[in-house]
Structure formats: C-alpha cells, structure tokens
Amino acid sequence: MLESVLLSSHLPSSNLPYLFAAFAVSWVVLFGYLFYVNRRQHEMRKEIARLETMLEQSQEHTDGQ
C-alpha cells in the first residue's frame, strides 16, 4: 500500500494542477502586458497628435509674422 501511495505521488498526472496554474498565470501575465502596451501606444498616439498640432500652430504663427 505504501508503494502505491509513493508511486501515485510521482505520476505526471499528479502535477497537472500545478501545470494548469502555471499556464493560467502565464496567460494572465501575457494579457496584462498586452493591455499595458496597447494603453501606452494609445497615449503615445494622442501625444504625437498634440505635438503635431502645436508644431502646425507654431509654423502658422511664424509664417504670419
């Protein structure tokens, strides 16, 4: 009986919950990173648009003088 308990604790199927947990954590981290990158990209696009507007206004102001 002790041998069967020891053998069952070393079977690959006994590690499936740990494998699933590691897999799930990996996906959560990946999606979190993708969300962060997407948000930063959106912020950068808004900043670029704002800077382009400022540059155009500056050039119009300089051309008008």
PDB file of N, CA and C in Angstrom:
ATOM      1  N   MET A   1       0.820  -1.189   0.000  1.00  0.00           N
ATOM      2  CA  MET A   1       0.000   0.000   0.000  1.00  0.00           C
ATOM      3  C   MET A   1       0.864   1.253   0.000  1.00  0.00           C
ATOM      4  N   LEU A   2       1.910   1.286   0.784  1.00  0.00           N
ATOM      5  CA  LEU A   2       2.802   2.440   0.843  1.00  0.00           C
ATOM      6  C   LEU A   2       3.464   2.675  -0.504  1.00  0.00           C
ATOM      7  N   GLU A   3       3.797   1.600  -1.194  1.00  0.00           N
ATOM      8  CA  GLU A   3       4.406   1.732  -2.507  1.00  0.00           C
ATOM      9  C   GLU A   3       3.448   2.387  -3.497  1.00  0.00           C
ATOM     10  N   SER A   4       2.184   2.057  -3.448  1.00  0.00           N
ATOM     11  CA  SER A   4       1.227   2.648  -4.377  1.00  0.00           C
ATOM     12  C   SER A   4       1.027   4.130  -4.081  1.00  0.00           C
ATOM     13  N   VAL A   5       1.069   4.526  -2.817  1.00  0.00           N
ATOM     14  CA  VAL A   5       0.958   5.938  -2.458  1.00  0.00           C
ATOM     15  C   VAL A   5       2.182   6.689  -2.963  1.00  0.00           C
ATOM     16  N   LEU A   6       3.359   6.146  -2.780  1.00  0.00           N
ATOM     17  CA  LEU A   6       4.586   6.787  -3.234  1.00  0.00           C
ATOM     18  C   LEU A   6       4.624   6.879  -4.750  1.00  0.00           C
ATOM     19  N   LEU A   7       4.194   5.832  -5.430  1.00  0.00           N
ATOM     20  CA  LEU A   7       4.198   5.842  -6.892  1.00  0.00           C
ATOM     21  C   LEU A   7       3.183   6.833  -7.439  1.00  0.00           C
ATOM     22  N   SER A   8       2.019   6.913  -6.824  1.00  0.00           N
ATOM     23  CA  SER A   8       0.999   7.824  -7.339  1.00  0.00           C
ATOM     24  C   SER A   8       1.399   9.278  -7.133  1.00  0.00           C
ATOM     25  N   SER A   9       2.210   9.584  -6.142  1.00  0.00           N
ATOM     26  CA  SER A   9       2.635  10.965  -5.923  1.00  0.00           C
ATOM     27  C   SER A   9       3.669  11.404  -6.956  1.00  0.00           C
ATOM     28  N   HIS A  10       4.286  10.458  -7.640  1.00  0.00           N
ATOM     29  CA  HIS A  10       5.291  10.792  -8.642  1.00  0.00           C
ATOM     30  C   HIS A  10       4.793  10.637 -10.074  1.00  0.00           C
ATOM     31  N   LEU A  11       3.523  10.341 -10.237  1.00  0.00           N
ATOM     32  CA  LEU A  11       2.968  10.214 -11.577  1.00  0.00           C
ATOM     33  C   LEU A  11       2.832  11.597 -12.201  1.00  0.00           C
ATOM     34  N   PRO A  12       3.057  11.710 -13.501  1.00  0.00           N
ATOM     35  CA  PRO A  12       2.908  13.017 -14.158  1.00  0.00           C
ATOM     36  C   PRO A  12       1.512  13.607 -13.995  1.00  0.00           C
ATOM     37  N   SER A  13       0.490  12.774 -13.917  1.00  0.00           N
ATOM     38  CA  SER A  13      -0.869  13.293 -13.785  1.00  0.00           C
ATOM     39  C   SER A  13      -1.095  13.977 -12.437  1.00  0.00           C
ATOM     40  N   SER A  14      -0.284  13.677 -11.457  1.00  0.00           N
ATOM     41  CA  SER A  14      -0.443  14.338 -10.156  1.00  0.00           C
ATOM     42  C   SER A  14       0.076  15.769 -10.193  1.00  0.00           C
ATOM     43  N   ASN A  15       0.821  16.137 -11.221  1.00  0.00           N
ATOM     44  CA  ASN A  15       1.335  17.500 -11.355  1.00  0.00           C
ATOM     45  C   ASN A  15       0.467  18.386 -12.243  1.00  0.00           C
ATOM     46  N   LEU A  16      -0.650  17.868 -12.737  1.00  0.00           N
ATOM     47  CA  LEU A  16      -1.497  18.632 -13.639  1.00  0.00           C
ATOM     48  C   LEU A  16      -2.043  19.920 -13.025  1.00  0.00           C
ATOM     49  N   PRO A  17      -2.459  19.938 -11.770  1.00  0.00           N
ATOM     50  CA  PRO A  17      -2.924  21.217 -11.209  1.00  0.00           C
ATOM     51  C   PRO A  17      -1.838  22.294 -11.225  1.00  0.00           C
ATOM     52  N   TYR A  18      -0.609  21.911 -10.950  1.00  0.00           N
ATOM     53  CA  TYR A  18       0.492  22.871 -10.970  1.00  0.00           C
ATOM     54  C   TYR A  18       0.770  23.354 -12.394  1.00  0.00           C
ATOM     55  N   LEU A  19       0.694  22.447 -13.339  1.00  0.00           N
ATOM     56  CA  LEU A  19       0.889  22.805 -14.738  1.00  0.00           C
ATOM     57  C   LEU A  19      -0.205  23.767 -15.194  1.00  0.00           C
ATOM     58  N   PHE A  20      -1.448  23.478 -14.825  1.00  0.00           N
ATOM     59  CA  PHE A  20      -2.551  24.359 -15.184  1.00  0.00           C
ATOM     60  C   PHE A  20      -2.384  25.728 -14.537  1.00  0.00           C
ATOM     61  N   ALA A  21      -1.977  25.762 -13.280  1.00  0.00           N
ATOM     62  CA  ALA A  21      -1.784  27.040 -12.584  1.00  0.00           C
ATOM     63  C   ALA A  21      -0.691  27.861 -13.259  1.00  0.00           C
ATOM     64  N   ALA A  22       0.406  27.231 -13.609  1.00  0.00           N
ATOM     65  CA  ALA A  22       1.494  27.945 -14.282  1.00  0.00           C
ATOM     66  C   ALA A  22       1.038  28.443 -15.654  1.00  0.00           C
ATOM     67  N   PHE A  23       0.279  27.636 -16.357  1.00  0.00           N
ATOM     68  CA  PHE A  23      -0.253  28.017 -17.668  1.00  0.00           C
ATOM     69  C   PHE A  23      -1.195  29.208 -17.536  1.00  0.00           C
ATOM     70  N   ALA A  24      -2.080  29.165 -16.551  1.00  0.00           N
ATOM     71  CA  ALA A  24      -3.038  30.246 -16.344  1.00  0.00           C
ATOM     72  C   ALA A  24      -2.322  31.541 -15.956  1.00  0.00           C
ATOM     73  N   VAL A  25      -1.349  31.454 -15.081  1.00  0.00           N
ATOM     74  CA  VAL A  25      -0.595  32.640 -14.683  1.00  0.00           C
ATOM     75  C   VAL A  25       0.140  33.230 -15.879  1.00  0.00           C
ATOM     76  N   SER A  26       0.696  32.378 -16.716  1.00  0.00           N
ATOM     77  CA  SER A  26       1.398  32.856 -17.908  1.00  0.00           C
ATOM     78  C   SER A  26       0.460  33.629 -18.826  1.00  0.00           C
ATOM     79  N   TRP A  27      -0.748  33.131 -19.033  1.00  0.00           N
ATOM     80  CA  TRP A  27      -1.720  33.825 -19.883  1.00  0.00           C
ATOM     81  C   TRP A  27      -2.152  35.147 -19.268  1.00  0.00           C
ATOM     82  N   VAL A  28      -2.358  35.161 -17.965  1.00  0.00           N
ATOM     83  CA  VAL A  28      -2.754  36.401 -17.299  1.00  0.00           C
ATOM     84  C   VAL A  28      -1.654  37.449 -17.442  1.00  0.00           C
ATOM     85  N   VAL A  29      -0.416  37.037 -17.245  1.00  0.00           N
ATOM     86  CA  VAL A  29       0.710  37.964 -17.393  1.00  0.00           C
ATOM     87  C   VAL A  29       0.798  38.461 -18.840  1.00  0.00           C
ATOM     88  N   LEU A  30       0.637  37.572 -19.799  1.00  0.00           N
ATOM     89  CA  LEU A  30       0.690  37.969 -21.206  1.00  0.00           C
ATOM     90  C   LEU A  30      -0.393  38.981 -21.540  1.00  0.00           C
ATOM     91  N   PHE A  31      -1.632  38.707 -21.145  1.00  0.00           N
ATOM     92  CA  PHE A  31      -2.719  39.637 -21.449  1.00  0.00           C
ATOM     93  C   PHE A  31      -2.551  40.954 -20.704  1.00  0.00           C
ATOM     94  N   GLY A  32      -2.036  40.900 -19.489  1.00  0.00           N
ATOM     95  CA  GLY A  32      -1.752  42.135 -18.761  1.00  0.00           C
ATOM     96  C   GLY A  32      -0.712  42.975 -19.475  1.00  0.00           C
ATOM     97  N   TYR A  33       0.330  42.338 -19.970  1.00  0.00           N
ATOM     98  CA  TYR A  33       1.372  43.052 -20.702  1.00  0.00           C
ATOM     99  C   TYR A  33       0.817  43.645 -21.998  1.00  0.00           C
ATOM    100  N   LEU A  34       0.017  42.868 -22.726  1.00  0.00           N
ATOM    101  CA  LEU A  34      -0.567  43.371 -23.972  1.00  0.00           C
ATOM    102  C   LEU A  34      -1.501  44.546 -23.706  1.00  0.00           C
ATOM    103  N   PHE A  35      -2.265  44.486 -22.631  1.00  0.00           N
ATOM    104  CA  PHE A  35      -3.135  45.603 -22.260  1.00  0.00           C
ATOM    105  C   PHE A  35      -2.303  46.841 -21.962  1.00  0.00           C
ATOM    106  N   TYR A  36      -1.209  46.666 -21.215  1.00  0.00           N
ATOM    107  CA  TYR A  36      -0.334  47.783 -20.868  1.00  0.00           C
ATOM    108  C   TYR A  36       0.282  48.402 -22.132  1.00  0.00           C
ATOM    109  N   VAL A  37       0.780  47.586 -23.034  1.00  0.00           N
ATOM    110  CA  VAL A  37       1.401  48.080 -24.268  1.00  0.00           C
ATOM    111  C   VAL A  37       0.367  48.800 -25.131  1.00  0.00           C
ATOM    112  N   ASN A  38      -0.836  48.257 -25.219  1.00  0.00           N
ATOM    113  CA  ASN A  38      -1.888  48.887 -26.004  1.00  0.00           C
ATOM    114  C   ASN A  38      -2.260  50.250 -25.422  1.00  0.00           C
ATOM    115  N   ARG A  39      -2.351  50.331 -24.116  1.00  0.00           N
ATOM    116  CA  ARG A  39      -2.699  51.602 -23.472  1.00  0.00           C
ATOM    117  C   ARG A  39      -1.596  52.637 -23.689  1.00  0.00           C
ATOM    118  N   ARG A  40      -0.342  52.210 -23.558  1.00  0.00           N
ATOM    119  CA  ARG A  40       0.788  53.128 -23.777  1.00  0.00           C
ATOM    120  C   ARG A  40       0.823  53.595 -25.229  1.00  0.00           C
ATOM    121  N   GLN A  41       0.534  52.707 -26.172  1.00  0.00           N
ATOM    122  CA  GLN A  41       0.526  53.075 -27.584  1.00  0.00           C
ATOM    123  C   GLN A  41      -0.565  54.111 -27.848  1.00  0.00           C
ATOM    124  N   HIS A  42      -1.720  53.926 -27.245  1.00  0.00           N
ATOM    125  CA  HIS A  42      -2.812  54.888 -27.399  1.00  0.00           C
ATOM    126  C   HIS A  42      -2.403  56.251 -26.841  1.00  0.00           C
ATOM    127  N   GLU A  43      -1.756  56.256 -25.682  1.00  0.00           N
ATOM    128  CA  GLU A  43      -1.283  57.512 -25.090  1.00  0.00           C
ATOM    129  C   GLU A  43      -0.241  58.186 -25.979  1.00  0.00           C
ATOM    130  N   MET A  44       0.640  57.400 -26.552  1.00  0.00           N
ATOM    131  CA  MET A  44       1.679  57.955 -27.434  1.00  0.00           C
ATOM    132  C   MET A  44       1.057  58.563 -28.694  1.00  0.00           C
ATOM    133  N   ARG A  45       0.058  57.910 -29.255  1.00  0.00           N
ATOM    134  CA  ARG A  45      -0.604  58.463 -30.444  1.00  0.00           C
ATOM    135  C   ARG A  45      -1.270  59.800 -30.118  1.00  0.00           C
ATOM    136  N   LYS A  46      -1.911  59.895 -28.955  1.00  0.00           N
ATOM    137  CA  LYS A  46      -2.525  61.156 -28.557  1.00  0.00           C
ATOM    138  C   LYS A  46      -1.456  62.235 -28.368  1.00  0.00           C
ATOM    139  N   GLU A  47      -0.336  61.868 -27.771  1.00  0.00           N
ATOM    140  CA  GLU A  47       0.747  62.829 -27.553  1.00  0.00           C
ATOM    141  C   GLU A  47       1.331  63.298 -28.889  1.00  0.00           C
ATOM    142  N   ILE A  48       1.511  62.389 -29.831  1.00  0.00           N
ATOM    143  CA  ILE A  48       2.037  62.754 -31.155  1.00  0.00           C
ATOM    144  C   ILE A  48       1.070  63.696 -31.854  1.00  0.00           C
ATOM    145  N   ALA A  49      -0.227  63.401 -31.772  1.00  0.00           N
ATOM    146  CA  ALA A  49      -1.218  64.287 -32.396  1.00  0.00           C
ATOM    147  C   ALA A  49      -1.177  65.668 -31.752  1.00  0.00           C
ATOM    148  N   ARG A  50      -1.039  65.725 -30.442  1.00  0.00           N
ATOM    149  CA  ARG A  50      -0.963  67.010 -29.750  1.00  0.00           C
ATOM    150  C   ARG A  50       0.276  67.780 -30.168  1.00  0.00           C
ATOM    151  N   LEU A  51       1.408  67.110 -30.266  1.00  0.00           N
ATOM    152  CA  LEU A  51       2.644  67.772 -30.672  1.00  0.00           C
ATOM    153  C   LEU A  51       2.574  68.245 -32.123  1.00  0.00           C
ATOM    154  N   GLU A  52       1.958  67.446 -32.998  1.00  0.00           N
ATOM    155  CA  GLU A  52       1.802  67.874 -34.389  1.00  0.00           C
ATOM    156  C   GLU A  52       0.947  69.130 -34.469  1.00  0.00           C
ATOM    157  N   THR A  53      -0.114  69.183 -33.673  1.00  0.00           N
ATOM    158  CA  THR A  53      -0.965  70.374 -33.649  1.00  0.00           C
ATOM    159  C   THR A  53      -0.186  71.587 -33.164  1.00  0.00           C
ATOM    160  N   MET A  54       0.584  71.401 -32.123  1.00  0.00           N
ATOM    161  CA  MET A  54       1.406  72.501 -31.608  1.00  0.00           C
ATOM    162  C   MET A  54       2.419  72.972 -32.651  1.00  0.00           C
ATOM    163  N   LEU A  55       3.027  72.024 -33.365  1.00  0.00           N
ATOM    164  CA  LEU A  55       4.004  72.361 -34.388  1.00  0.00           C
ATOM    165  C   LEU A  55       3.348  73.133 -35.529  1.00  0.00           C
ATOM    166  N   GLU A  56       2.173  72.694 -35.959  1.00  0.00           N
ATOM    167  CA  GLU A  56       1.454  73.396 -37.029  1.00  0.00           C
ATOM    168  C   GLU A  56       1.087  74.810 -36.589  1.00  0.00           C
ATOM    169  N   GLN A  57       0.633  74.956 -35.354  1.00  0.00           N
ATOM    170  CA  GLN A  57       0.281  76.286 -34.851  1.00  0.00           C
ATOM    171  C   GLN A  57       1.517  77.178 -34.768  1.00  0.00           C
ATOM    172  N   SER A  58       2.632  76.590 -34.376  1.00  0.00           N
ATOM    173  CA  SER A  58       3.876  77.352 -34.279  1.00  0.00           C
ATOM    174  C   SER A  58       4.338  77.802 -35.660  1.00  0.00           C
ATOM    175  N   GLN A  59       4.216  76.915 -36.651  1.00  0.00           N
ATOM    176  CA  GLN A  59       4.626  77.269 -38.007  1.00  0.00           C
ATOM    177  C   GLN A  59       3.692  78.330 -38.593  1.00  0.00           C
ATOM    178  N   GLU A  60       2.400  78.239 -38.321  1.00  0.00           N
ATOM    179  CA  GLU A  60       1.458  79.257 -38.803  1.00  0.00           C
ATOM    180  C   GLU A  60       1.760  80.603 -38.165  1.00  0.00           C
ATOM    181  N   HIS A  61       2.094  80.571 -36.896  1.00  0.00           N
ATOM    182  CA  HIS A  61       2.402  81.805 -36.174  1.00  0.00           C
ATOM    183  C   HIS A  61       3.691  82.440 -36.745  1.00  0.00           C
ATOM    184  N   THR A  62       4.684  81.607 -37.050  1.00  0.00           N
ATOM    185  CA  THR A  62       5.941  82.096 -37.598  1.00  0.00           C
ATOM    186  C   THR A  62       5.730  82.602 -39.020  1.00  0.00           C
ATOM    187  N   ASP A  63       4.933  81.915 -39.828  1.00  0.00           N
ATOM    188  CA  ASP A  63       4.671  82.346 -41.208  1.00  0.00           C
ATOM    189  C   ASP A  63       3.860  83.639 -41.258  1.00  0.00           C
ATOM    190  N   GLY A  64       3.031  83.856 -40.252  1.00  0.00           N
ATOM    191  CA  GLY A  64       2.199  85.033 -40.238  1.00  0.00           C
ATOM    192  C   GLY A  64       2.954  86.313 -39.918  1.00  0.00           C
ATOM    193  N   GLN A  65       4.118  86.209 -39.363  1.00  0.00           N
ATOM    194  CA  GLN A  65       4.879  87.424 -38.999  1.00  0.00           C
ATOM    195  C   GLN A  65       5.669  87.966 -40.121  1.00  0.00           C
TER     196      GLN A  65
END
